[in-house]
Amino acid sequence: LSLALIQKIIPIDIEEAEVRRIYENYIDTHQQSALYFISHV
């Protein structure tokens, strides 16, 4: 993704609690995507 689109996923002007929520959702999605990728390969 371009940096402009990444900024939409995790904007700069948000509270730490919101950064944590986004990050925790992201790592769960990252792991599920990796498992899907494995099945695809």
PDB file of all heavy atoms in Angstrom:
ATOM      1  N   LEU A   1       0.833  -1.199   0.000  1.00  0.00           N
ATOM      2  CA  LEU A   1       0.000   0.000   0.000  1.00  0.00           C
ATOM      3  C   LEU A   1       0.869   1.251   0.000  1.00  0.00           C
ATOM      4  O   LEU A   1       1.980   1.238   0.527  1.00  0.00           O
ATOM      5  CB  LEU A   1      -0.898   0.039   1.245  1.00  0.00           C
ATOM      6  CG  LEU A   1      -2.104  -0.879   1.305  1.00  0.00           C
ATOM      7  CD1 LEU A   1      -2.835  -0.689   2.626  1.00  0.00           C
ATOM      8  CD2 LEU A   1      -3.057  -0.653   0.146  1.00  0.00           C
ATOM      9  N   SER A   2       0.329   2.316  -0.544  1.00  0.00           N
ATOM     10  CA  SER A   2       1.037   3.593  -0.512  1.00  0.00           C
ATOM     11  C   SER A   2       0.986   4.155   0.913  1.00  0.00           C
ATOM     12  O   SER A   2       0.114   3.808   1.711  1.00  0.00           O
ATOM     13  CB  SER A   2       0.376   4.581  -1.474  1.00  0.00           C
ATOM     14  OG  SER A   2      -0.913   4.929  -0.990  1.00  0.00           O
ATOM     15  N   LEU A   3       1.904   5.059   1.226  1.00  0.00           N
ATOM     16  CA  LEU A   3       1.918   5.682   2.549  1.00  0.00           C
ATOM     17  C   LEU A   3       0.633   6.462   2.810  1.00  0.00           C
ATOM     18  O   LEU A   3       0.144   6.497   3.936  1.00  0.00           O
ATOM     19  CB  LEU A   3       3.139   6.592   2.691  1.00  0.00           C
ATOM     20  CG  LEU A   3       4.488   5.890   2.810  1.00  0.00           C
ATOM     21  CD1 LEU A   3       5.627   6.902   2.843  1.00  0.00           C
ATOM     22  CD2 LEU A   3       4.545   4.981   4.032  1.00  0.00           C
ATOM     23  N   ALA A   4       0.076   7.067   1.771  1.00  0.00           N
ATOM     24  CA  ALA A   4      -1.171   7.828   1.934  1.00  0.00           C
ATOM     25  C   ALA A   4      -2.303   6.922   2.409  1.00  0.00           C
ATOM     26  O   ALA A   4      -3.119   7.313   3.253  1.00  0.00           O
ATOM     27  CB  ALA A   4      -1.541   8.509   0.621  1.00  0.00           C
ATOM     28  N   LEU A   5      -2.358   5.689   1.876  1.00  0.00           N
ATOM     29  CA  LEU A   5      -3.410   4.764   2.299  1.00  0.00           C
ATOM     30  C   LEU A   5      -3.111   4.177   3.679  1.00  0.00           C
ATOM     31  O   LEU A   5      -4.024   3.945   4.459  1.00  0.00           O
ATOM     32  CB  LEU A   5      -3.586   3.658   1.258  1.00  0.00           C
ATOM     33  CG  LEU A   5      -4.173   4.122  -0.076  1.00  0.00           C
ATOM     34  CD1 LEU A   5      -4.269   2.959  -1.058  1.00  0.00           C
ATOM     35  CD2 LEU A   5      -5.539   4.772   0.107  1.00  0.00           C
ATOM     36  N   ILE A   6      -1.839   3.967   3.976  1.00  0.00           N
ATOM     37  CA  ILE A   6      -1.481   3.471   5.315  1.00  0.00           C
ATOM     38  C   ILE A   6      -1.882   4.500   6.376  1.00  0.00           C
ATOM     39  O   ILE A   6      -2.343   4.146   7.458  1.00  0.00           O
ATOM     40  CB  ILE A   6       0.023   3.142   5.395  1.00  0.00           C
ATOM     41  CG1 ILE A   6       0.346   1.946   4.483  1.00  0.00           C
ATOM     42  CG2 ILE A   6       0.444   2.842   6.838  1.00  0.00           C
ATOM     43  CD1 ILE A   6       1.827   1.642   4.335  1.00  0.00           C
ATOM     44  N   GLN A   7      -1.754   5.798   6.044  1.00  0.00           N
ATOM     45  CA  GLN A   7      -2.157   6.859   6.974  1.00  0.00           C
ATOM     46  C   GLN A   7      -3.637   6.772   7.309  1.00  0.00           C
ATOM     47  O   GLN A   7      -4.049   7.167   8.395  1.00  0.00           O
ATOM     48  CB  GLN A   7      -1.871   8.236   6.360  1.00  0.00           C
ATOM     49  CG  GLN A   7      -0.420   8.645   6.449  1.00  0.00           C
ATOM     50  CD  GLN A   7      -0.193   9.988   5.782  1.00  0.00           C
ATOM     51  OE1 GLN A   7      -0.460  10.144   4.594  1.00  0.00           O
ATOM     52  NE2 GLN A   7       0.302  10.935   6.551  1.00  0.00           N
ATOM     53  N   LYS A   8      -4.438   6.255   6.370  1.00  0.00           N
ATOM     54  CA  LYS A   8      -5.878   6.118   6.652  1.00  0.00           C
ATOM     55  C   LYS A   8      -6.125   4.967   7.617  1.00  0.00           C
ATOM     56  O   LYS A   8      -7.077   4.995   8.389  1.00  0.00           O
ATOM     57  CB  LYS A   8      -6.649   5.876   5.354  1.00  0.00           C
ATOM     58  CG  LYS A   8      -6.665   7.082   4.448  1.00  0.00           C
ATOM     59  CD  LYS A   8      -7.506   6.810   3.211  1.00  0.00           C
ATOM     60  CE  LYS A   8      -7.573   8.075   2.381  1.00  0.00           C
ATOM     61  NZ  LYS A   8      -8.892   8.407   1.945  1.00  0.00           N
ATOM     62  N   ILE A   9      -5.272   3.944   7.562  1.00  0.00           N
ATOM     63  CA  ILE A   9      -5.437   2.801   8.455  1.00  0.00           C
ATOM     64  C   ILE A   9      -5.054   3.178   9.883  1.00  0.00           C
ATOM     65  O   ILE A   9      -5.729   2.800  10.835  1.00  0.00           O
ATOM     66  CB  ILE A   9      -4.577   1.614   7.955  1.00  0.00           C
ATOM     67  CG1 ILE A   9      -5.158   1.094   6.629  1.00  0.00           C
ATOM     68  CG2 ILE A   9      -4.502   0.497   8.993  1.00  0.00           C
ATOM     69  CD1 ILE A   9      -4.295   0.076   5.930  1.00  0.00           C
ATOM     70  N   ILE A  10      -3.959   3.941  10.021  1.00  0.00           N
ATOM     71  CA  ILE A  10      -3.511   4.371  11.354  1.00  0.00           C
ATOM     72  C   ILE A  10      -3.137   5.853  11.290  1.00  0.00           C
ATOM     73  O   ILE A  10      -1.986   6.215  11.055  1.00  0.00           O
ATOM     74  CB  ILE A  10      -2.365   3.483  11.901  1.00  0.00           C
ATOM     75  CG1 ILE A  10      -1.995   3.905  13.319  1.00  0.00           C
ATOM     76  CG2 ILE A  10      -1.171   3.417  10.970  1.00  0.00           C
ATOM     77  CD1 ILE A  10      -1.238   2.869  14.107  1.00  0.00           C
ATOM     78  N   PRO A  11      -4.133   6.721  11.468  1.00  0.00           N
ATOM     79  CA  PRO A  11      -3.867   8.173  11.401  1.00  0.00           C
ATOM     80  C   PRO A  11      -2.899   8.612  12.497  1.00  0.00           C
ATOM     81  O   PRO A  11      -2.711   7.926  13.499  1.00  0.00           O
ATOM     82  CB  PRO A  11      -5.258   8.795  11.622  1.00  0.00           C
ATOM     83  CG  PRO A  11      -6.235   7.685  11.422  1.00  0.00           C
ATOM     84  CD  PRO A  11      -5.530   6.414  11.751  1.00  0.00           C
ATOM     85  N   ILE A  12      -2.317   9.780  12.298  1.00  0.00           N
ATOM     86  CA  ILE A  12      -1.293  10.268  13.229  1.00  0.00           C
ATOM     87  C   ILE A  12      -1.897  10.974  14.453  1.00  0.00           C
ATOM     88  O   ILE A  12      -1.314  10.990  15.522  1.00  0.00           O
ATOM     89  CB  ILE A  12      -0.308  11.212  12.496  1.00  0.00           C
ATOM     90  CG1 ILE A  12       0.927  11.457  13.355  1.00  0.00           C
ATOM     91  CG2 ILE A  12      -0.970  12.497  12.077  1.00  0.00           C
ATOM     92  CD1 ILE A  12       2.026  12.204  12.658  1.00  0.00           C
ATOM     93  N   ASP A  13      -3.075  11.550  14.308  1.00  0.00           N
ATOM     94  CA  ASP A  13      -3.632  12.410  15.365  1.00  0.00           C
ATOM     95  C   ASP A  13      -4.661  11.675  16.223  1.00  0.00           C
ATOM     96  O   ASP A  13      -5.768  12.147  16.424  1.00  0.00           O
ATOM     97  CB  ASP A  13      -4.244  13.668  14.747  1.00  0.00           C
ATOM     98  CG  ASP A  13      -5.253  13.323  13.659  1.00  0.00           C
ATOM     99  OD1 ASP A  13      -5.352  12.140  13.280  1.00  0.00           O
ATOM    100  OD2 ASP A  13      -5.942  14.255  13.189  1.00  0.00           O
ATOM    101  N   ILE A  14      -4.293  10.503  16.749  1.00  0.00           N
ATOM    102  CA  ILE A  14      -5.215   9.740  17.579  1.00  0.00           C
ATOM    103  C   ILE A  14      -4.570   9.434  18.924  1.00  0.00           C
ATOM    104  O   ILE A  14      -3.351   9.469  19.075  1.00  0.00           O
ATOM    105  CB  ILE A  14      -5.649   8.417  16.889  1.00  0.00           C
ATOM    106  CG1 ILE A  14      -4.440   7.582  16.476  1.00  0.00           C
ATOM    107  CG2 ILE A  14      -6.537   8.697  15.690  1.00  0.00           C
ATOM    108  CD1 ILE A  14      -4.786   6.236  15.854  1.00  0.00           C
ATOM    109  N   GLU A  15      -5.405   9.141  19.900  1.00  0.00           N
ATOM    110  CA  GLU A  15      -4.925   8.845  21.254  1.00  0.00           C
ATOM    111  C   GLU A  15      -4.223   7.489  21.290  1.00  0.00           C
ATOM    112  O   GLU A  15      -4.474   6.622  20.452  1.00  0.00           O
ATOM    113  CB  GLU A  15      -6.111   8.822  22.229  1.00  0.00           C
ATOM    114  CG  GLU A  15      -6.845  10.149  22.367  1.00  0.00           C
ATOM    115  CD  GLU A  15      -5.995  11.204  23.043  1.00  0.00           C
ATOM    116  OE1 GLU A  15      -5.206  10.847  23.950  1.00  0.00           O
ATOM    117  OE2 GLU A  15      -6.103  12.379  22.658  1.00  0.00           O
ATOM    118  N   GLU A  16      -3.384   7.299  22.297  1.00  0.00           N
ATOM    119  CA  GLU A  16      -2.633   6.046  22.415  1.00  0.00           C
ATOM    120  C   GLU A  16      -3.562   4.842  22.536  1.00  0.00           C
ATOM    121  O   GLU A  16      -3.277   3.766  21.992  1.00  0.00           O
ATOM    122  CB  GLU A  16      -1.677   6.100  23.602  1.00  0.00           C
ATOM    123  CG  GLU A  16      -0.813   4.858  23.696  1.00  0.00           C
ATOM    124  CD  GLU A  16       0.325   4.968  24.692  1.00  0.00           C
ATOM    125  OE1 GLU A  16       0.834   6.081  24.910  1.00  0.00           O
ATOM    126  OE2 GLU A  16       0.703   3.924  25.242  1.00  0.00           O
ATOM    127  N   ALA A  17      -4.689   5.005  23.233  1.00  0.00           N
ATOM    128  CA  ALA A  17      -5.631   3.887  23.382  1.00  0.00           C
ATOM    129  C   ALA A  17      -6.159   3.444  22.018  1.00  0.00           C
ATOM    130  O   ALA A  17      -6.354   2.247  21.774  1.00  0.00           O
ATOM    131  CB  ALA A  17      -6.789   4.284  24.300  1.00  0.00           C
ATOM    132  N   GLU A  18      -6.379   4.395  21.127  1.00  0.00           N
ATOM    133  CA  GLU A  18      -6.860   4.068  19.779  1.00  0.00           C
ATOM    134  C   GLU A  18      -5.752   3.424  18.951  1.00  0.00           C
ATOM    135  O   GLU A  18      -5.997   2.495  18.181  1.00  0.00           O
ATOM    136  CB  GLU A  18      -7.383   5.337  19.099  1.00  0.00           C
ATOM    137  CG  GLU A  18      -7.921   5.133  17.698  1.00  0.00           C
ATOM    138  CD  GLU A  18      -9.173   4.260  17.616  1.00  0.00           C
ATOM    139  OE1 GLU A  18      -9.663   3.772  18.660  1.00  0.00           O
ATOM    140  OE2 GLU A  18      -9.646   4.037  16.499  1.00  0.00           O
ATOM    141  N   VAL A  19      -4.506   3.894  19.119  1.00  0.00           N
ATOM    142  CA  VAL A  19      -3.365   3.259  18.440  1.00  0.00           C
ATOM    143  C   VAL A  19      -3.277   1.802  18.889  1.00  0.00           C
ATOM    144  O   VAL A  19      -3.106   0.900  18.064  1.00  0.00           O
ATOM    145  CB  VAL A  19      -2.038   3.993  18.742  1.00  0.00           C
ATOM    146  CG1 VAL A  19      -0.858   3.236  18.157  1.00  0.00           C
ATOM    147  CG2 VAL A  19      -2.079   5.416  18.199  1.00  0.00           C
ATOM    148  N   ARG A  20      -3.420   1.580  20.187  1.00  0.00           N
ATOM    149  CA  ARG A  20      -3.350   0.204  20.699  1.00  0.00           C
ATOM    150  C   ARG A  20      -4.449  -0.658  20.086  1.00  0.00           C
ATOM    151  O   ARG A  20      -4.199  -1.795  19.682  1.00  0.00           O
ATOM    152  CB  ARG A  20      -3.473   0.216  22.225  1.00  0.00           C
ATOM    153  CG  ARG A  20      -3.446  -1.179  22.811  1.00  0.00           C
ATOM    154  CD  ARG A  20      -3.469  -1.186  24.324  1.00  0.00           C
ATOM    155  NE  ARG A  20      -3.368  -2.560  24.797  1.00  0.00           N
ATOM    156  CZ  ARG A  20      -3.082  -2.886  26.050  1.00  0.00           C
ATOM    157  NH1 ARG A  20      -2.856  -1.942  26.950  1.00  0.00           N
ATOM    158  NH2 ARG A  20      -3.010  -4.147  26.409  1.00  0.00           N
ATOM    159  N   ARG A  21      -5.679  -0.135  20.030  1.00  0.00           N
ATOM    160  CA  ARG A  21      -6.793  -0.905  19.463  1.00  0.00           C
ATOM    161  C   ARG A  21      -6.511  -1.264  18.006  1.00  0.00           C
ATOM    162  O   ARG A  21      -6.681  -2.414  17.593  1.00  0.00           O
ATOM    163  CB  ARG A  21      -8.098  -0.104  19.568  1.00  0.00           C
ATOM    164  CG  ARG A  21      -9.339  -0.872  19.123  1.00  0.00           C
ATOM    165  CD  ARG A  21     -10.541   0.040  18.955  1.00  0.00           C
ATOM    166  NE  ARG A  21     -10.364   0.969  17.857  1.00  0.00           N
ATOM    167  CZ  ARG A  21     -10.484   0.648  16.565  1.00  0.00           C
ATOM    168  NH1 ARG A  21     -10.760  -0.591  16.205  1.00  0.00           N
ATOM    169  NH2 ARG A  21     -10.316   1.565  15.630  1.00  0.00           N
ATOM    170  N   ILE A  22      -6.061  -0.278  17.226  1.00  0.00           N
ATOM    171  CA  ILE A  22      -5.758  -0.516  15.807  1.00  0.00           C
ATOM    172  C   ILE A  22      -4.626  -1.543  15.682  1.00  0.00           C
ATOM    173  O   ILE A  22      -4.700  -2.472  14.876  1.00  0.00           O
ATOM    174  CB  ILE A  22      -5.375   0.807  15.106  1.00  0.00           C
ATOM    175  CG1 ILE A  22      -6.603   1.715  14.999  1.00  0.00           C
ATOM    176  CG2 ILE A  22      -4.777   0.548  13.719  1.00  0.00           C
ATOM    177  CD1 ILE A  22      -6.297   3.134  14.569  1.00  0.00           C
ATOM    178  N   TYR A  23      -3.590  -1.388  16.499  1.00  0.00           N
ATOM    179  CA  TYR A  23      -2.446  -2.298  16.420  1.00  0.00           C
ATOM    180  C   TYR A  23      -2.856  -3.721  16.782  1.00  0.00           C
ATOM    181  O   TYR A  23      -2.477  -4.677  16.098  1.00  0.00           O
ATOM    182  CB  TYR A  23      -1.318  -1.814  17.340  1.00  0.00           C
ATOM    183  CG  TYR A  23      -0.125  -2.738  17.294  1.00  0.00           C
ATOM    184  CD1 TYR A  23       0.764  -2.700  16.229  1.00  0.00           C
ATOM    185  CD2 TYR A  23       0.090  -3.691  18.292  1.00  0.00           C
ATOM    186  CE1 TYR A  23       1.852  -3.573  16.151  1.00  0.00           C
ATOM    187  CE2 TYR A  23       1.161  -4.564  18.229  1.00  0.00           C
ATOM    188  CZ  TYR A  23       2.034  -4.500  17.153  1.00  0.00           C
ATOM    189  OH  TYR A  23       3.084  -5.371  17.080  1.00  0.00           O
ATOM    190  N   GLU A  24      -3.619  -3.885  17.856  1.00  0.00           N
ATOM    191  CA  GLU A  24      -4.029  -5.228  18.273  1.00  0.00           C
ATOM    192  C   GLU A  24      -4.909  -5.892  17.218  1.00  0.00           C
ATOM    193  O   GLU A  24      -4.766  -7.092  16.948  1.00  0.00           O
ATOM    194  CB  GLU A  24      -4.718  -5.179  19.641  1.00  0.00           C
ATOM    195  CG  GLU A  24      -3.720  -4.891  20.759  1.00  0.00           C
ATOM    196  CD  GLU A  24      -4.346  -4.751  22.131  1.00  0.00           C
ATOM    197  OE1 GLU A  24      -5.568  -4.479  22.212  1.00  0.00           O
ATOM    198  OE2 GLU A  24      -3.604  -4.903  23.127  1.00  0.00           O
ATOM    199  N   ASN A  25      -5.804  -5.126  16.603  1.00  0.00           N
ATOM    200  CA  ASN A  25      -6.615  -5.669  15.499  1.00  0.00           C
ATOM    201  C   ASN A  25      -5.720  -6.037  14.322  1.00  0.00           C
ATOM    202  O   ASN A  25      -5.931  -7.057  13.656  1.00  0.00           O
ATOM    203  CB  ASN A  25      -7.676  -4.661  15.049  1.00  0.00           C
ATOM    204  CG  ASN A  25      -8.825  -4.554  16.027  1.00  0.00           C
ATOM    205  OD1 ASN A  25      -9.036  -5.437  16.848  1.00  0.00           O
ATOM    206  ND2 ASN A  25      -9.557  -3.461  15.954  1.00  0.00           N
ATOM    207  N   TYR A  26      -4.711  -5.204  14.071  1.00  0.00           N
ATOM    208  CA  TYR A  26      -3.818  -5.441  12.938  1.00  0.00           C
ATOM    209  C   TYR A  26      -3.014  -6.730  13.108  1.00  0.00           C
ATOM    210  O   TYR A  26      -2.899  -7.519  12.171  1.00  0.00           O
ATOM    211  CB  TYR A  26      -2.870  -4.252  12.752  1.00  0.00           C
ATOM    212  CG  TYR A  26      -1.923  -4.458  11.595  1.00  0.00           C
ATOM    213  CD1 TYR A  26      -2.374  -4.351  10.286  1.00  0.00           C
ATOM    214  CD2 TYR A  26      -0.597  -4.804  11.809  1.00  0.00           C
ATOM    215  CE1 TYR A  26      -1.517  -4.575   9.216  1.00  0.00           C
ATOM    216  CE2 TYR A  26       0.267  -5.026  10.746  1.00  0.00           C
ATOM    217  CZ  TYR A  26      -0.202  -4.903   9.450  1.00  0.00           C
ATOM    218  OH  TYR A  26       0.643  -5.138   8.387  1.00  0.00           O
ATOM    219  N   ILE A  27      -2.473  -6.965  14.301  1.00  0.00           N
ATOM    220  CA  ILE A  27      -1.661  -8.171  14.463  1.00  0.00           C
ATOM    221  C   ILE A  27      -2.521  -9.432  14.364  1.00  0.00           C
ATOM    222  O   ILE A  27      -2.062 -10.449  13.844  1.00  0.00           O
ATOM    223  CB  ILE A  27      -0.800  -8.161  15.760  1.00  0.00           C
ATOM    224  CG1 ILE A  27      -1.662  -8.119  17.017  1.00  0.00           C
ATOM    225  CG2 ILE A  27       0.180  -7.019  15.742  1.00  0.00           C
ATOM    226  CD1 ILE A  27      -0.847  -8.316  18.305  1.00  0.00           C
ATOM    227  N   ASP A  28      -3.777  -9.372  14.813  1.00  0.00           N
ATOM    228  CA  ASP A  28      -4.689 -10.518  14.642  1.00  0.00           C
ATOM    229  C   ASP A  28      -4.958 -10.762  13.159  1.00  0.00           C
ATOM    230  O   ASP A  28      -4.907 -11.898  12.684  1.00  0.00           O
ATOM    231  CB  ASP A  28      -6.014 -10.272  15.369  1.00  0.00           C
ATOM    232  CG  ASP A  28      -5.871 -10.343  16.882  1.00  0.00           C
ATOM    233  OD1 ASP A  28      -4.846 -10.891  17.364  1.00  0.00           O
ATOM    234  OD2 ASP A  28      -6.768  -9.847  17.587  1.00  0.00           O
ATOM    235  N   THR A  29      -5.228  -9.674  12.423  1.00  0.00           N
ATOM    236  CA  THR A  29      -5.492  -9.789  10.987  1.00  0.00           C
ATOM    237  C   THR A  29      -4.252 -10.285  10.254  1.00  0.00           C
ATOM    238  O   THR A  29      -4.345 -11.107   9.336  1.00  0.00           O
ATOM    239  CB  THR A  29      -5.925  -8.420  10.424  1.00  0.00           C
ATOM    240  OG1 THR A  29      -7.097  -7.990  11.126  1.00  0.00           O
ATOM    241  CG2 THR A  29      -6.236  -8.502   8.944  1.00  0.00           C
ATOM    242  N   HIS A  30      -3.082  -9.809  10.663  1.00  0.00           N
ATOM    243  CA  HIS A  30      -1.828 -10.223  10.039  1.00  0.00           C
ATOM    244  C   HIS A  30      -1.644 -11.732  10.172  1.00  0.00           C
ATOM    245  O   HIS A  30      -1.301 -12.420   9.203  1.00  0.00           O
ATOM    246  CB  HIS A  30      -0.663  -9.470  10.692  1.00  0.00           C
ATOM    247  CG  HIS A  30       0.634  -9.592   9.967  1.00  0.00           C
ATOM    248  ND1 HIS A  30       1.430 -10.710  10.079  1.00  0.00           N
ATOM    249  CD2 HIS A  30       1.274  -8.757   9.124  1.00  0.00           C
ATOM    250  CE1 HIS A  30       2.510 -10.555   9.325  1.00  0.00           C
ATOM    251  NE2 HIS A  30       2.441  -9.374   8.737  1.00  0.00           N
ATOM    252  N   GLN A  31      -1.913 -12.260  11.368  1.00  0.00           N
ATOM    253  CA  GLN A  31      -1.729 -13.694  11.590  1.00  0.00           C
ATOM    254  C   GLN A  31      -2.747 -14.512  10.795  1.00  0.00           C
ATOM    255  O   GLN A  31      -2.402 -15.522  10.175  1.00  0.00           O
ATOM    256  CB  GLN A  31      -1.839 -14.005  13.080  1.00  0.00           C
ATOM    257  CG  GLN A  31      -1.402 -15.416  13.431  1.00  0.00           C
ATOM    258  CD  GLN A  31      -1.075 -15.565  14.894  1.00  0.00           C
ATOM    259  OE1 GLN A  31      -1.628 -14.877  15.735  1.00  0.00           O
ATOM    260  NE2 GLN A  31      -0.180 -16.482  15.215  1.00  0.00           N
ATOM    261  N   GLN A  32      -4.014 -14.063  10.781  1.00  0.00           N
ATOM    262  CA  GLN A  32      -5.037 -14.783  10.009  1.00  0.00           C
ATOM    263  C   GLN A  32      -4.709 -14.747   8.515  1.00  0.00           C
ATOM    264  O   GLN A  32      -4.895 -15.739   7.804  1.00  0.00           O
ATOM    265  CB  GLN A  32      -6.421 -14.166  10.256  1.00  0.00           C
ATOM    266  CG  GLN A  32      -6.970 -14.427  11.650  1.00  0.00           C
ATOM    267  CD  GLN A  32      -7.015 -15.913  11.984  1.00  0.00           C
ATOM    268  OE1 GLN A  32      -7.508 -16.720  11.210  1.00  0.00           O
ATOM    269  NE2 GLN A  32      -6.483 -16.278  13.132  1.00  0.00           N
ATOM    270  N   SER A  33      -4.215 -13.607   8.040  1.00  0.00           N
ATOM    271  CA  SER A  33      -3.848 -13.477   6.628  1.00  0.00           C
ATOM    272  C   SER A  33      -2.687 -14.397   6.278  1.00  0.00           C
ATOM    273  O   SER A  33      -2.654 -14.990   5.193  1.00  0.00           O
ATOM    274  CB  SER A  33      -3.491 -12.030   6.292  1.00  0.00           C
ATOM    275  OG  SER A  33      -4.584 -11.185   6.554  1.00  0.00           O
ATOM    276  N   ALA A  34      -1.732 -14.538   7.189  1.00  0.00           N
ATOM    277  CA  ALA A  34      -0.599 -15.442   6.953  1.00  0.00           C
ATOM    278  C   ALA A  34      -1.079 -16.878   6.821  1.00  0.00           C
ATOM    279  O   ALA A  34      -0.634 -17.624   5.937  1.00  0.00           O
ATOM    280  CB  ALA A  34       0.430 -15.321   8.076  1.00  0.00           C
ATOM    281  N   LEU A  35      -2.038 -17.280   7.671  1.00  0.00           N
ATOM    282  CA  LEU A  35      -2.576 -18.644   7.588  1.00  0.00           C
ATOM    283  C   LEU A  35      -3.347 -18.850   6.289  1.00  0.00           C
ATOM    284  O   LEU A  35      -3.245 -19.904   5.656  1.00  0.00           O
ATOM    285  CB  LEU A  35      -3.471 -18.925   8.799  1.00  0.00           C
ATOM    286  CG  LEU A  35      -2.757 -18.937  10.159  1.00  0.00           C
ATOM    287  CD1 LEU A  35      -3.745 -19.135  11.290  1.00  0.00           C
ATOM    288  CD2 LEU A  35      -1.669 -20.005  10.200  1.00  0.00           C
ATOM    289  N   TYR A  36      -4.107 -17.827   5.859  1.00  0.00           N
ATOM    290  CA  TYR A  36      -4.813 -17.918   4.579  1.00  0.00           C
ATOM    291  C   TYR A  36      -3.799 -18.030   3.433  1.00  0.00           C
ATOM    292  O   TYR A  36      -3.968 -18.830   2.514  1.00  0.00           O
ATOM    293  CB  TYR A  36      -5.704 -16.700   4.362  1.00  0.00           C
ATOM    294  CG  TYR A  36      -6.206 -16.622   2.938  1.00  0.00           C
ATOM    295  CD1 TYR A  36      -7.244 -17.447   2.520  1.00  0.00           C
ATOM    296  CD2 TYR A  36      -5.612 -15.776   2.013  1.00  0.00           C
ATOM    297  CE1 TYR A  36      -7.681 -17.418   1.204  1.00  0.00           C
ATOM    298  CE2 TYR A  36      -6.036 -15.746   0.703  1.00  0.00           C
ATOM    299  CZ  TYR A  36      -7.079 -16.566   0.308  1.00  0.00           C
ATOM    300  OH  TYR A  36      -7.498 -16.545  -0.991  1.00  0.00           O
ATOM    301  N   PHE A  37      -2.748 -17.245   3.502  1.00  0.00           N
ATOM    302  CA  PHE A  37      -1.707 -17.262   2.472  1.00  0.00           C
ATOM    303  C   PHE A  37      -1.084 -18.653   2.358  1.00  0.00           C
ATOM    304  O   PHE A  37      -0.869 -19.169   1.255  1.00  0.00           O
ATOM    305  CB  PHE A  37      -0.647 -16.214   2.802  1.00  0.00           C
ATOM    306  CG  PHE A  37       0.534 -16.239   1.883  1.00  0.00           C
ATOM    307  CD1 PHE A  37       0.459 -15.727   0.603  1.00  0.00           C
ATOM    308  CD2 PHE A  37       1.744 -16.784   2.301  1.00  0.00           C
ATOM    309  CE1 PHE A  37       1.552 -15.754  -0.253  1.00  0.00           C
ATOM    310  CE2 PHE A  37       2.842 -16.814   1.462  1.00  0.00           C
ATOM    311  CZ  PHE A  37       2.738 -16.296   0.180  1.00  0.00           C
ATOM    312  N   ILE A  38      -0.811 -19.278   3.500  1.00  0.00           N
ATOM    313  CA  ILE A  38      -0.248 -20.627   3.495  1.00  0.00           C
ATOM    314  C   ILE A  38      -1.170 -21.589   2.755  1.00  0.00           C
ATOM    315  O   ILE A  38      -0.733 -22.388   1.922  1.00  0.00           O
ATOM    316  CB  ILE A  38      -0.013 -21.110   4.949  1.00  0.00           C
ATOM    317  CG1 ILE A  38       1.141 -20.344   5.592  1.00  0.00           C
ATOM    318  CG2 ILE A  38       0.258 -22.615   4.993  1.00  0.00           C
ATOM    319  CD1 ILE A  38       1.253 -20.553   7.093  1.00  0.00           C
ATOM    320  N   SER A  39      -2.480 -21.520   3.052  1.00  0.00           N
ATOM    321  CA  SER A  39      -3.425 -22.436   2.389  1.00  0.00           C
ATOM    322  C   SER A  39      -3.491 -22.153   0.893  1.00  0.00           C
ATOM    323  O   SER A  39      -3.608 -23.070   0.083  1.00  0.00           O
ATOM    324  CB  SER A  39      -4.813 -22.343   3.031  1.00  0.00           C
ATOM    325  OG  SER A  39      -5.374 -21.065   2.830  1.00  0.00           O
ATOM    326  N   HIS A  40      -3.372 -20.891   0.523  1.00  0.00           N
ATOM    327  CA  HIS A  40      -3.365 -20.497  -0.892  1.00  0.00           C
ATOM    328  C   HIS A  40      -2.153 -21.100  -1.605  1.00  0.00           C
ATOM    329  O   HIS A  40      -2.270 -21.685  -2.684  1.00  0.00           O
ATOM    330  CB  HIS A  40      -3.346 -18.970  -0.991  1.00  0.00           C
ATOM    331  CG  HIS A  40      -3.006 -18.444  -2.338  1.00  0.00           C
ATOM    332  ND1 HIS A  40      -3.927 -18.312  -3.343  1.00  0.00           N
ATOM    333  CD2 HIS A  40      -1.827 -18.027  -2.860  1.00  0.00           C
ATOM    334  CE1 HIS A  40      -3.335 -17.836  -4.429  1.00  0.00           C
ATOM    335  NE2 HIS A  40      -2.060 -17.656  -4.156  1.00  0.00           N
ATOM    336  N   VAL A  41      -0.972 -20.988  -1.005  1.00  0.00           N
ATOM    337  CA  VAL A  41       0.247 -21.532  -1.610  1.00  0.00           C
ATOM    338  C   VAL A  41       0.158 -23.049  -1.712  1.00  0.00           C
ATOM    339  O   VAL A  41       0.553 -23.636  -2.723  1.00  0.00           O
ATOM    340  CB  VAL A  41       1.499 -21.089  -0.820  1.00  0.00           C
ATOM    341  CG1 VAL A  41       2.753 -21.792  -1.342  1.00  0.00           C
ATOM    342  CG2 VAL A  41       1.677 -19.579  -0.906  1.00  0.00           C
TER     343      VAL A  41
END
